[in-house]
Amino acid sequence: MRCVIARFPFDLTKGGVLESMKGVKPEPVTGESVIIGRRHYPAKQVGEVVTRQDRRDFSSGEVMRAMFRLGFTCRAALPEAAAPARVESPLQRASAMLGTPFHG
């Protein structure tokens, strides 16, 4: 399949990608990822290995589109976990309503 990554055309095949990624240890996934075999790889790592380009030269979206078209499973970045809400005790809540800070 012909695709363009970082303004350069590549003829990629699923077998070629599998061969390129064989023996490559996955980096920790913090954003978008591609599942190759049974391993989860960051999209940028896959793009760097497959194209031999610096990962700053292309977006993870370019790699994700190409890998999806080749039949690989792609995962979007997980949303940031919301900070847990601060839980106040009934005494702290009553103290705040009265305008006196409770330190306890």
PDB file of N, CA and C in Angstrom:
ATOM      1  N   MET A   1       0.844  -1.169   0.000  1.00  0.00           N
ATOM      2  CA  MET A   1       0.000   0.000   0.000  1.00  0.00           C
ATOM      3  C   MET A   1       0.892   1.234   0.000  1.00  0.00           C
ATOM      4  N   ARG A   2       0.558   2.165  -0.815  1.00  0.00           N
ATOM      5  CA  ARG A   2       1.320   3.407  -0.902  1.00  0.00           C
ATOM      6  C   ARG A   2       0.721   4.421   0.077  1.00  0.00           C
ATOM      7  N   CYS A   3       1.578   5.027   0.878  1.00  0.00           N
ATOM      8  CA  CYS A   3       1.125   6.064   1.808  1.00  0.00           C
ATOM      9  C   CYS A   3       2.201   7.134   1.901  1.00  0.00           C
ATOM     10  N   VAL A   4       1.797   8.290   2.393  1.00  0.00           N
ATOM     11  CA  VAL A   4       2.726   9.410   2.547  1.00  0.00           C
ATOM     12  C   VAL A   4       2.861   9.707   4.038  1.00  0.00           C
ATOM     13  N   ILE A   5       4.095   9.683   4.500  1.00  0.00           N
ATOM     14  CA  ILE A   5       4.399  10.021   5.893  1.00  0.00           C
ATOM     15  C   ILE A   5       5.524  11.043   5.853  1.00  0.00           C
ATOM     16  N   ALA A   6       5.305  12.173   6.474  1.00  0.00           N
ATOM     17  CA  ALA A   6       6.278  13.274   6.508  1.00  0.00           C
ATOM     18  C   ALA A   6       6.663  13.700   5.087  1.00  0.00           C
ATOM     19  N   ARG A   7       5.679  13.787   4.228  1.00  0.00           N
ATOM     20  CA  ARG A   7       5.821  14.243   2.837  1.00  0.00           C
ATOM     21  C   ARG A   7       6.638  13.303   1.957  1.00  0.00           C
ATOM     22  N   PHE A   8       6.929  12.083   2.448  1.00  0.00           N
ATOM     23  CA  PHE A   8       7.662  11.106   1.645  1.00  0.00           C
ATOM     24  C   PHE A   8       6.760   9.907   1.370  1.00  0.00           C
ATOM     25  N   PRO A   9       6.729   9.424   0.125  1.00  0.00           N
ATOM     26  CA  PRO A   9       5.901   8.251  -0.189  1.00  0.00           C
ATOM     27  C   PRO A   9       6.585   6.955   0.252  1.00  0.00           C
ATOM     28  N   PHE A  10       5.793   6.026   0.764  1.00  0.00           N
ATOM     29  CA  PHE A  10       6.280   4.718   1.189  1.00  0.00           C
ATOM     30  C   PHE A  10       5.348   3.654   0.650  1.00  0.00           C
ATOM     31  N   ASP A  11       5.900   2.539   0.231  1.00  0.00           N
ATOM     32  CA  ASP A  11       5.123   1.371  -0.146  1.00  0.00           C
ATOM     33  C   ASP A  11       5.220   0.391   1.017  1.00  0.00           C
ATOM     34  N   LEU A  12       4.188   0.349   1.837  1.00  0.00           N
ATOM     35  CA  LEU A  12       4.197  -0.487   3.038  1.00  0.00           C
ATOM     36  C   LEU A  12       3.298  -1.701   2.853  1.00  0.00           C
ATOM     37  N   THR A  13       3.707  -2.802   3.445  1.00  0.00           N
ATOM     38  CA  THR A  13       2.872  -3.996   3.495  1.00  0.00           C
ATOM     39  C   THR A  13       2.763  -4.429   4.946  1.00  0.00           C
ATOM     40  N   LYS A  14       1.718  -5.171   5.247  1.00  0.00           N
ATOM     41  CA  LYS A  14       1.546  -5.647   6.617  1.00  0.00           C
ATOM     42  C   LYS A  14       2.721  -6.547   7.008  1.00  0.00           C
ATOM     43  N   GLY A  15       3.127  -7.419   6.106  1.00  0.00           N
ATOM     44  CA  GLY A  15       4.263  -8.300   6.381  1.00  0.00           C
ATOM     45  C   GLY A  15       5.557  -7.531   6.585  1.00  0.00           C
ATOM     46  N   GLY A  16       5.737  -6.471   5.813  1.00  0.00           N
ATOM     47  CA  GLY A  16       6.931  -5.646   5.955  1.00  0.00           C
ATOM     48  C   GLY A  16       6.987  -4.950   7.296  1.00  0.00           C
ATOM     49  N   VAL A  17       5.833  -4.461   7.754  1.00  0.00           N
ATOM     50  CA  VAL A  17       5.774  -3.804   9.065  1.00  0.00           C
ATOM     51  C   VAL A  17       6.054  -4.829  10.165  1.00  0.00           C
ATOM     52  N   LEU A  18       5.439  -6.012  10.051  1.00  0.00           N
ATOM     53  CA  LEU A  18       5.674  -7.064  11.050  1.00  0.00           C
ATOM     54  C   LEU A  18       7.159  -7.425  11.113  1.00  0.00           C
ATOM     55  N   GLU A  19       7.795  -7.538   9.960  1.00  0.00           N
ATOM     56  CA  GLU A  19       9.220  -7.875   9.902  1.00  0.00           C
ATOM     57  C   GLU A  19      10.070  -6.746  10.510  1.00  0.00           C
ATOM     58  N   SER A  20       9.727  -5.498  10.203  1.00  0.00           N
ATOM     59  CA  SER A  20      10.491  -4.357  10.734  1.00  0.00           C
ATOM     60  C   SER A  20      10.397  -4.271  12.248  1.00  0.00           C
ATOM     61  N   MET A  21       9.227  -4.615  12.796  1.00  0.00           N
ATOM     62  CA  MET A  21       9.017  -4.467  14.238  1.00  0.00           C
ATOM     63  C   MET A  21       9.446  -5.704  15.022  1.00  0.00           C
ATOM     64  N   LYS A  22       9.829  -6.762  14.324  1.00  0.00           N
ATOM     65  CA  LYS A  22      10.258  -7.991  14.999  1.00  0.00           C
ATOM     66  C   LYS A  22      11.502  -7.692  15.834  1.00  0.00           C
ATOM     67  N   GLY A  23      11.441  -8.042  17.107  1.00  0.00           N
ATOM     68  CA  GLY A  23      12.577  -7.840  18.001  1.00  0.00           C
ATOM     69  C   GLY A  23      12.687  -6.446  18.576  1.00  0.00           C
ATOM     70  N   VAL A  24      11.770  -5.546  18.229  1.00  0.00           N
ATOM     71  CA  VAL A  24      11.797  -4.180  18.759  1.00  0.00           C
ATOM     72  C   VAL A  24      11.007  -4.156  20.067  1.00  0.00           C
ATOM     73  N   LYS A  25      11.649  -3.713  21.131  1.00  0.00           N
ATOM     74  CA  LYS A  25      10.990  -3.634  22.442  1.00  0.00           C
ATOM     75  C   LYS A  25      10.094  -2.401  22.477  1.00  0.00           C
ATOM     76  N   PRO A  26       8.818  -2.569  22.833  1.00  0.00           N
ATOM     77  CA  PRO A  26       7.914  -1.409  22.890  1.00  0.00           C
ATOM     78  C   PRO A  26       8.306  -0.425  23.983  1.00  0.00           C
ATOM     79  N   GLU A  27       8.230   0.848  23.649  1.00  0.00           N
ATOM     80  CA  GLU A  27       8.415   1.906  24.643  1.00  0.00           C
ATOM     81  C   GLU A  27       7.103   2.045  25.415  1.00  0.00           C
ATOM     82  N   PRO A  28       7.118   2.697  26.566  1.00  0.00           N
ATOM     83  CA  PRO A  28       5.858   2.914  27.296  1.00  0.00           C
ATOM     84  C   PRO A  28       4.882   3.728  26.444  1.00  0.00           C
ATOM     85  N   VAL A  29       3.638   3.297  26.428  1.00  0.00           N
ATOM     86  CA  VAL A  29       2.608   3.979  25.636  1.00  0.00           C
ATOM     87  C   VAL A  29       2.001   5.100  26.468  1.00  0.00           C
ATOM     88  N   THR A  30       2.102   6.321  25.953  1.00  0.00           N
ATOM     89  CA  THR A  30       1.523   7.466  26.649  1.00  0.00           C
ATOM     90  C   THR A  30       0.471   8.175  25.800  1.00  0.00           C
ATOM     91  N   GLY A  31       0.378   7.828  24.546  1.00  0.00           N
ATOM     92  CA  GLY A  31      -0.576   8.481  23.644  1.00  0.00           C
ATOM     93  C   GLY A  31      -1.166   7.462  22.700  1.00  0.00           C
ATOM     94  N   GLU A  32      -1.194   7.803  21.433  1.00  0.00           N
ATOM     95  CA  GLU A  32      -1.759   6.911  20.428  1.00  0.00           C
ATOM     96  C   GLU A  32      -0.848   5.705  20.250  1.00  0.00           C
ATOM     97  N   SER A  33      -1.468   4.533  20.026  1.00  0.00           N
ATOM     98  CA  SER A  33      -0.667   3.313  19.917  1.00  0.00           C
ATOM     99  C   SER A  33      -1.177   2.413  18.801  1.00  0.00           C
ATOM    100  N   VAL A  34      -0.299   1.508  18.397  1.00  0.00           N
ATOM    101  CA  VAL A  34      -0.601   0.523  17.362  1.00  0.00           C
ATOM    102  C   VAL A  34      -0.301  -0.847  17.953  1.00  0.00           C
ATOM    103  N   ILE A  35      -1.219  -1.795  17.749  1.00  0.00           N
ATOM    104  CA  ILE A  35      -0.998  -3.153  18.228  1.00  0.00           C
ATOM    105  C   ILE A  35      -0.418  -3.955  17.067  1.00  0.00           C
ATOM    106  N   ILE A  36       0.800  -4.437  17.269  1.00  0.00           N
ATOM    107  CA  ILE A  36       1.486  -5.243  16.257  1.00  0.00           C
ATOM    108  C   ILE A  36       1.830  -6.558  16.928  1.00  0.00           C
ATOM    109  N   GLY A  37       1.265  -7.634  16.408  1.00  0.00           N
ATOM    110  CA  GLY A  37       1.382  -8.917  17.093  1.00  0.00           C
ATOM    111  C   GLY A  37       0.538  -8.837  18.352  1.00  0.00           C
ATOM    112  N   ARG A  38       1.160  -9.057  19.472  1.00  0.00           N
ATOM    113  CA  ARG A  38       0.446  -8.912  20.748  1.00  0.00           C
ATOM    114  C   ARG A  38       1.006  -7.764  21.565  1.00  0.00           C
ATOM    115  N   ARG A  39       1.783  -6.919  20.926  1.00  0.00           N
ATOM    116  CA  ARG A  39       2.429  -5.812  21.648  1.00  0.00           C
ATOM    117  C   ARG A  39       1.829  -4.471  21.258  1.00  0.00           C
ATOM    118  N   HIS A  40       1.781  -3.569  22.226  1.00  0.00           N
ATOM    119  CA  HIS A  40       1.306  -2.206  22.013  1.00  0.00           C
ATOM    120  C   HIS A  40       2.522  -1.296  21.862  1.00  0.00           C
ATOM    121  N   TYR A  41       2.621  -0.651  20.712  1.00  0.00           N
ATOM    122  CA  TYR A  41       3.730   0.264  20.442  1.00  0.00           C
ATOM    123  C   TYR A  41       3.204   1.694  20.315  1.00  0.00           C
ATOM    124  N   PRO A  42       3.933   2.684  20.819  1.00  0.00           N
ATOM    125  CA  PRO A  42       3.559   4.077  20.533  1.00  0.00           C
ATOM    126  C   PRO A  42       3.618   4.303  19.017  1.00  0.00           C
ATOM    127  N   ALA A  43       2.664   5.044  18.485  1.00  0.00           N
ATOM    128  CA  ALA A  43       2.601   5.288  17.043  1.00  0.00           C
ATOM    129  C   ALA A  43       3.894   5.907  16.524  1.00  0.00           C
ATOM    130  N   LYS A  44       4.471   6.814  17.270  1.00  0.00           N
ATOM    131  CA  LYS A  44       5.706   7.473  16.837  1.00  0.00           C
ATOM    132  C   LYS A  44       6.867   6.469  16.743  1.00  0.00           C
ATOM    133  N   GLN A  45       6.929   5.501  17.658  1.00  0.00           N
ATOM    134  CA  GLN A  45       7.981   4.498  17.597  1.00  0.00           C
ATOM    135  C   GLN A  45       7.829   3.644  16.341  1.00  0.00           C
ATOM    136  N   VAL A  46       6.602   3.247  16.028  1.00  0.00           N
ATOM    137  CA  VAL A  46       6.348   2.458  14.822  1.00  0.00           C
ATOM    138  C   VAL A  46       6.770   3.246  13.590  1.00  0.00           C
ATOM    139  N   GLY A  47       6.360   4.509  13.523  1.00  0.00           N
ATOM    140  CA  GLY A  47       6.714   5.338  12.379  1.00  0.00           C
ATOM    141  C   GLY A  47       8.212   5.479  12.210  1.00  0.00           C
ATOM    142  N   GLU A  48       8.919   5.641  13.309  1.00  0.00           N
ATOM    143  CA  GLU A  48      10.371   5.805  13.254  1.00  0.00           C
ATOM    144  C   GLU A  48      11.053   4.532  12.742  1.00  0.00           C
ATOM    145  N   VAL A  49      10.607   3.376  13.224  1.00  0.00           N
ATOM    146  CA  VAL A  49      11.215   2.114  12.818  1.00  0.00           C
ATOM    147  C   VAL A  49      10.884   1.804  11.357  1.00  0.00           C
ATOM    148  N   VAL A  50       9.631   1.964  10.980  1.00  0.00           N
ATOM    149  CA  VAL A  50       9.187   1.583   9.634  1.00  0.00           C
ATOM    150  C   VAL A  50       9.732   2.527   8.561  1.00  0.00           C
ATOM    151  N   THR A  51       9.760   3.827   8.835  1.00  0.00           N
ATOM    152  CA  THR A  51      10.189   4.794   7.816  1.00  0.00           C
ATOM    153  C   THR A  51      11.660   5.172   7.933  1.00  0.00           C
ATOM    154  N   ARG A  52      12.282   4.859   9.059  1.00  0.00           N
ATOM    155  CA  ARG A  52      13.677   5.249   9.342  1.00  0.00           C
ATOM    156  C   ARG A  52      13.843   6.764   9.340  1.00  0.00           C
ATOM    157  N   GLN A  53      12.795   7.474   9.716  1.00  0.00           N
ATOM    158  CA  GLN A  53      12.841   8.929   9.827  1.00  0.00           C
ATOM    159  C   GLN A  53      12.809   9.319  11.294  1.00  0.00           C
ATOM    160  N   ASP A  54      13.259  10.522  11.576  1.00  0.00           N
ATOM    161  CA  ASP A  54      13.186  11.058  12.932  1.00  0.00           C
ATOM    162  C   ASP A  54      11.720  11.254  13.283  1.00  0.00           C
ATOM    163  N   ARG A  55      11.336  10.856  14.487  1.00  0.00           N
ATOM    164  CA  ARG A  55       9.919  10.936  14.864  1.00  0.00           C
ATOM    165  C   ARG A  55       9.394  12.368  14.970  1.00  0.00           C
ATOM    166  N   ARG A  56      10.293  13.340  14.973  1.00  0.00           N
ATOM    167  CA  ARG A  56       9.834  14.740  14.988  1.00  0.00           C
ATOM    168  C   ARG A  56       9.356  15.194  13.609  1.00  0.00           C
ATOM    169  N   ASP A  57       9.663  14.401  12.575  1.00  0.00           N
ATOM    170  CA  ASP A  57       9.326  14.786  11.204  1.00  0.00           C
ATOM    171  C   ASP A  57       7.906  14.419  10.781  1.00  0.00           C
ATOM    172  N   PHE A  58       7.199  13.625  11.571  1.00  0.00           N
ATOM    173  CA  PHE A  58       5.848  13.209  11.187  1.00  0.00           C
ATOM    174  C   PHE A  58       4.944  13.210  12.408  1.00  0.00           C
ATOM    175  N   SER A  59       3.651  13.168  12.157  1.00  0.00           N
ATOM    176  CA  SER A  59       2.683  13.141  13.255  1.00  0.00           C
ATOM    177  C   SER A  59       2.267  11.697  13.522  1.00  0.00           C
ATOM    178  N   SER A  60       1.795  11.453  14.719  1.00  0.00           N
ATOM    179  CA  SER A  60       1.311  10.113  15.032  1.00  0.00           C
ATOM    180  C   SER A  60       0.066   9.805  14.213  1.00  0.00           C
ATOM    181  N   GLY A  61      -0.681  10.825  13.827  1.00  0.00           N
ATOM    182  CA  GLY A  61      -1.872  10.625  13.005  1.00  0.00           C
ATOM    183  C   GLY A  61      -1.543  10.033  11.646  1.00  0.00           C
ATOM    184  N   GLU A  62      -0.436  10.472  11.053  1.00  0.00           N
ATOM    185  CA  GLU A  62      -0.014   9.922   9.762  1.00  0.00           C
ATOM    186  C   GLU A  62       0.268   8.430   9.885  1.00  0.00           C
ATOM    187  N   VAL A  63       0.947   8.050  10.952  1.00  0.00           N
ATOM    188  CA  VAL A  63       1.281   6.648  11.173  1.00  0.00           C
ATOM    189  C   VAL A  63       0.019   5.851  11.461  1.00  0.00           C
ATOM    190  N   MET A  64      -0.859   6.404  12.280  1.00  0.00           N
ATOM    191  CA  MET A  64      -2.099   5.716  12.636  1.00  0.00           C
ATOM    192  C   MET A  64      -2.942   5.427  11.388  1.00  0.00           C
ATOM    193  N   ARG A  65      -3.069   6.407  10.504  1.00  0.00           N
ATOM    194  CA  ARG A  65      -3.847   6.201   9.271  1.00  0.00           C
ATOM    195  C   ARG A  65      -3.248   5.086   8.425  1.00  0.00           C
ATOM    196  N   ALA A  66      -1.925   5.104   8.270  1.00  0.00           N
ATOM    197  CA  ALA A  66      -1.258   4.088   7.456  1.00  0.00           C
ATOM    198  C   ALA A  66      -1.415   2.696   8.080  1.00  0.00           C
ATOM    199  N   MET A  67      -1.203   2.583   9.381  1.00  0.00           N
ATOM    200  CA  MET A  67      -1.298   1.282  10.045  1.00  0.00           C
ATOM    201  C   MET A  67      -2.722   0.746  10.032  1.00  0.00           C
ATOM    202  N   PHE A  68      -3.700   1.646  10.182  1.00  0.00           N
ATOM    203  CA  PHE A  68      -5.104   1.236  10.135  1.00  0.00           C
ATOM    204  C   PHE A  68      -5.445   0.686   8.752  1.00  0.00           C
ATOM    205  N   ARG A  69      -4.973   1.367   7.714  1.00  0.00           N
ATOM    206  CA  ARG A  69      -5.234   0.919   6.345  1.00  0.00           C
ATOM    207  C   ARG A  69      -4.570  -0.425   6.047  1.00  0.00           C
ATOM    208  N   LEU A  70      -3.484  -0.725   6.740  1.00  0.00           N
ATOM    209  CA  LEU A  70      -2.818  -2.019   6.575  1.00  0.00           C
ATOM    210  C   LEU A  70      -3.484  -3.128   7.383  1.00  0.00           C
ATOM    211  N   GLY A  71      -4.427  -2.753   8.245  1.00  0.00           N
ATOM    212  CA  GLY A  71      -5.163  -3.753   9.011  1.00  0.00           C
ATOM    213  C   GLY A  71      -4.726  -3.928  10.450  1.00  0.00           C
ATOM    214  N   PHE A  72      -3.857  -3.055  10.938  1.00  0.00           N
ATOM    215  CA  PHE A  72      -3.449  -3.125  12.336  1.00  0.00           C
ATOM    216  C   PHE A  72      -4.479  -2.426  13.216  1.00  0.00           C
ATOM    217  N   THR A  73      -4.576  -2.871  14.460  1.00  0.00           N
ATOM    218  CA  THR A  73      -5.462  -2.228  15.423  1.00  0.00           C
ATOM    219  C   THR A  73      -4.756  -1.009  15.989  1.00  0.00           C
ATOM    220  N   CYS A  74      -5.439   0.132  15.942  1.00  0.00           N
ATOM    221  CA  CYS A  74      -4.874   1.391  16.439  1.00  0.00           C
ATOM    222  C   CYS A  74      -5.726   1.890  17.594  1.00  0.00           C
ATOM    223  N   ARG A  75      -5.083   2.446  18.579  1.00  0.00           N
ATOM    224  CA  ARG A  75      -5.789   2.981  19.751  1.00  0.00           C
ATOM    225  C   ARG A  75      -5.495   4.457  19.897  1.00  0.00           C
ATOM    226  N   ALA A  76      -6.537   5.228  20.118  1.00  0.00           N
ATOM    227  CA  ALA A  76      -6.380   6.667  20.337  1.00  0.00           C
ATOM    228  C   ALA A  76      -5.822   6.903  21.737  1.00  0.00           C
ATOM    229  N   ALA A  77      -5.290   8.093  21.941  1.00  0.00           N
ATOM    230  CA  ALA A  77      -4.754   8.457  23.251  1.00  0.00           C
ATOM    231  C   ALA A  77      -5.875   8.440  24.276  1.00  0.00           C
ATOM    232  N   LEU A  78      -5.562   7.933  25.451  1.00  0.00           N
ATOM    233  CA  LEU A  78      -6.543   7.927  26.525  1.00  0.00           C
ATOM    234  C   LEU A  78      -6.668   9.331  27.093  1.00  0.00           C
ATOM    235  N   PRO A  79      -7.902   9.756  27.403  1.00  0.00           N
ATOM    236  CA  PRO A  79      -8.065  11.091  27.988  1.00  0.00           C
ATOM    237  C   PRO A  79      -7.415  11.145  29.366  1.00  0.00           C
ATOM    238  N   GLU A  80      -6.948  12.326  29.695  1.00  0.00           N
ATOM    239  CA  GLU A  80      -6.330  12.518  31.010  1.00  0.00           C
ATOM    240  C   GLU A  80      -7.342  12.185  32.100  1.00  0.00           C
ATOM    241  N   ALA A  81      -6.898  11.463  33.100  1.00  0.00           N
ATOM    242  CA  ALA A  81      -7.772  11.127  34.215  1.00  0.00           C
ATOM    243  C   ALA A  81      -8.074  12.395  35.010  1.00  0.00           C
ATOM    244  N   ALA A  82      -9.329  12.585  35.301  1.00  0.00           N
ATOM    245  CA  ALA A  82      -9.724  13.761  36.068  1.00  0.00           C
ATOM    246  C   ALA A  82      -9.228  13.620  37.500  1.00  0.00           C
ATOM    247  N   ALA A  83      -8.801  14.724  38.057  1.00  0.00           N
ATOM    248  CA  ALA A  83      -8.343  14.713  39.442  1.00  0.00           C
ATOM    249  C   ALA A  83      -9.532  14.401  40.343  1.00  0.00           C
ATOM    250  N   PRO A  84      -9.333  13.559  41.333  1.00  0.00           N
ATOM    251  CA  PRO A  84     -10.454  13.236  42.212  1.00  0.00           C
ATOM    252  C   PRO A  84     -10.917  14.477  42.973  1.00  0.00           C
ATOM    253  N   ALA A  85     -12.228  14.600  43.101  1.00  0.00           N
ATOM    254  CA  ALA A  85     -12.796  15.740  43.812  1.00  0.00           C
ATOM    255  C   ALA A  85     -12.419  15.638  45.292  1.00  0.00           C
ATOM    256  N   ARG A  86     -12.187  16.792  45.883  1.00  0.00           N
ATOM    257  CA  ARG A  86     -11.838  16.815  47.303  1.00  0.00           C
ATOM    258  C   ARG A  86     -13.087  16.494  48.116  1.00  0.00           C
ATOM    259  N   VAL A  87     -12.975  15.521  48.973  1.00  0.00           N
ATOM    260  CA  VAL A  87     -14.110  15.104  49.797  1.00  0.00           C
ATOM    261  C   VAL A  87     -13.987  15.779  51.160  1.00  0.00           C
ATOM    262  N   GLU A  88     -15.039  16.490  51.524  1.00  0.00           N
ATOM    263  CA  GLU A  88     -15.049  17.154  52.825  1.00  0.00           C
ATOM    264  C   GLU A  88     -15.934  16.381  53.783  1.00  0.00           C
ATOM    265  N   SER A  89     -15.540  16.385  55.027  1.00  0.00           N
ATOM    266  CA  SER A  89     -16.369  15.759  56.052  1.00  0.00           C
ATOM    267  C   SER A  89     -17.520  16.715  56.369  1.00  0.00           C
ATOM    268  N   PRO A  90     -18.571  16.213  56.966  1.00  0.00           N
ATOM    269  CA  PRO A  90     -19.689  17.094  57.344  1.00  0.00           C
ATOM    270  C   PRO A  90     -19.234  18.236  58.258  1.00  0.00           C
ATOM    271  N   LEU A  91     -18.268  17.973  59.144  1.00  0.00           N
ATOM    272  CA  LEU A  91     -17.763  19.002  60.048  1.00  0.00           C
ATOM    273  C   LEU A  91     -17.038  20.092  59.265  1.00  0.00           C
ATOM    274  N   GLN A  92     -16.230  19.698  58.259  1.00  0.00           N
ATOM    275  CA  GLN A  92     -15.516  20.671  57.435  1.00  0.00           C
ATOM    276  C   GLN A  92     -16.506  21.505  56.607  1.00  0.00           C
ATOM    277  N   ARG A  93     -17.523  20.848  56.077  1.00  0.00           N
ATOM    278  CA  ARG A  93     -18.523  21.555  55.275  1.00  0.00           C
ATOM    279  C   ARG A  93     -19.282  22.578  56.131  1.00  0.00           C
ATOM    280  N   ALA A  94     -19.702  22.185  57.348  1.00  0.00           N
ATOM    281  CA  ALA A  94     -20.427  23.094  58.252  1.00  0.00           C
ATOM    282  C   ALA A  94     -19.533  24.252  58.668  1.00  0.00           C
ATOM    283  N   SER A  95     -18.267  23.952  58.921  1.00  0.00           N
ATOM    284  CA  SER A  95     -17.322  24.988  59.313  1.00  0.00           C
ATOM    285  C   SER A  95     -17.136  26.002  58.182  1.00  0.00           C
ATOM    286  N   ALA A  96     -17.034  25.507  56.941  1.00  0.00           N
ATOM    287  CA  ALA A  96     -16.875  26.403  55.796  1.00  0.00           C
ATOM    288  C   ALA A  96     -18.115  27.263  55.610  1.00  0.00           C
ATOM    289  N   MET A  97     -19.306  26.711  55.860  1.00  0.00           N
ATOM    290  CA  MET A  97     -20.553  27.486  55.705  1.00  0.00           C
ATOM    291  C   MET A  97     -20.648  28.577  56.753  1.00  0.00           C
ATOM    292  N   LEU A  98     -20.074  28.353  57.933  1.00  0.00           N
ATOM    293  CA  LEU A  98     -20.087  29.357  58.992  1.00  0.00           C
ATOM    294  C   LEU A  98     -18.968  30.375  58.823  1.00  0.00           C
ATOM    295  N   GLY A  99     -18.052  30.106  57.905  1.00  0.00           N
ATOM    296  CA  GLY A  99     -16.988  31.058  57.660  1.00  0.00           C
ATOM    297  C   GLY A  99     -15.781  30.883  58.537  1.00  0.00           C
ATOM    298  N   THR A 100     -15.724  29.833  59.315  1.00  0.00           N
ATOM    299  CA  THR A 100     -14.573  29.580  60.133  1.00  0.00           C
ATOM    300  C   THR A 100     -13.836  28.350  59.594  1.00  0.00           C
ATOM    301  N   PRO A 101     -12.581  28.508  59.304  1.00  0.00           N
ATOM    302  CA  PRO A 101     -11.857  27.349  58.776  1.00  0.00           C
ATOM    303  C   PRO A 101     -11.659  26.295  59.841  1.00  0.00           C
ATOM    304  N   PHE A 102     -11.851  25.088  59.450  1.00  0.00           N
ATOM    305  CA  PHE A 102     -11.644  23.947  60.353  1.00  0.00           C
ATOM    306  C   PHE A 102     -10.299  23.335  60.023  1.00  0.00           C
ATOM    307  N   HIS A 103      -9.452  23.201  61.003  1.00  0.00           N
ATOM    308  CA  HIS A 103      -8.151  22.562  60.816  1.00  0.00           C
ATOM    309  C   HIS A 103      -8.132  21.312  61.654  1.00  0.00           C
ATOM    310  N   GLY A 104      -8.291  20.191  61.026  1.00  0.00           N
ATOM    311  CA  GLY A 104      -8.309  18.993  61.846  1.00  0.00           C
ATOM    312  C   GLY A 104      -7.945  17.771  61.186  1.00  0.00           C
TER     313      GLY A 104
END
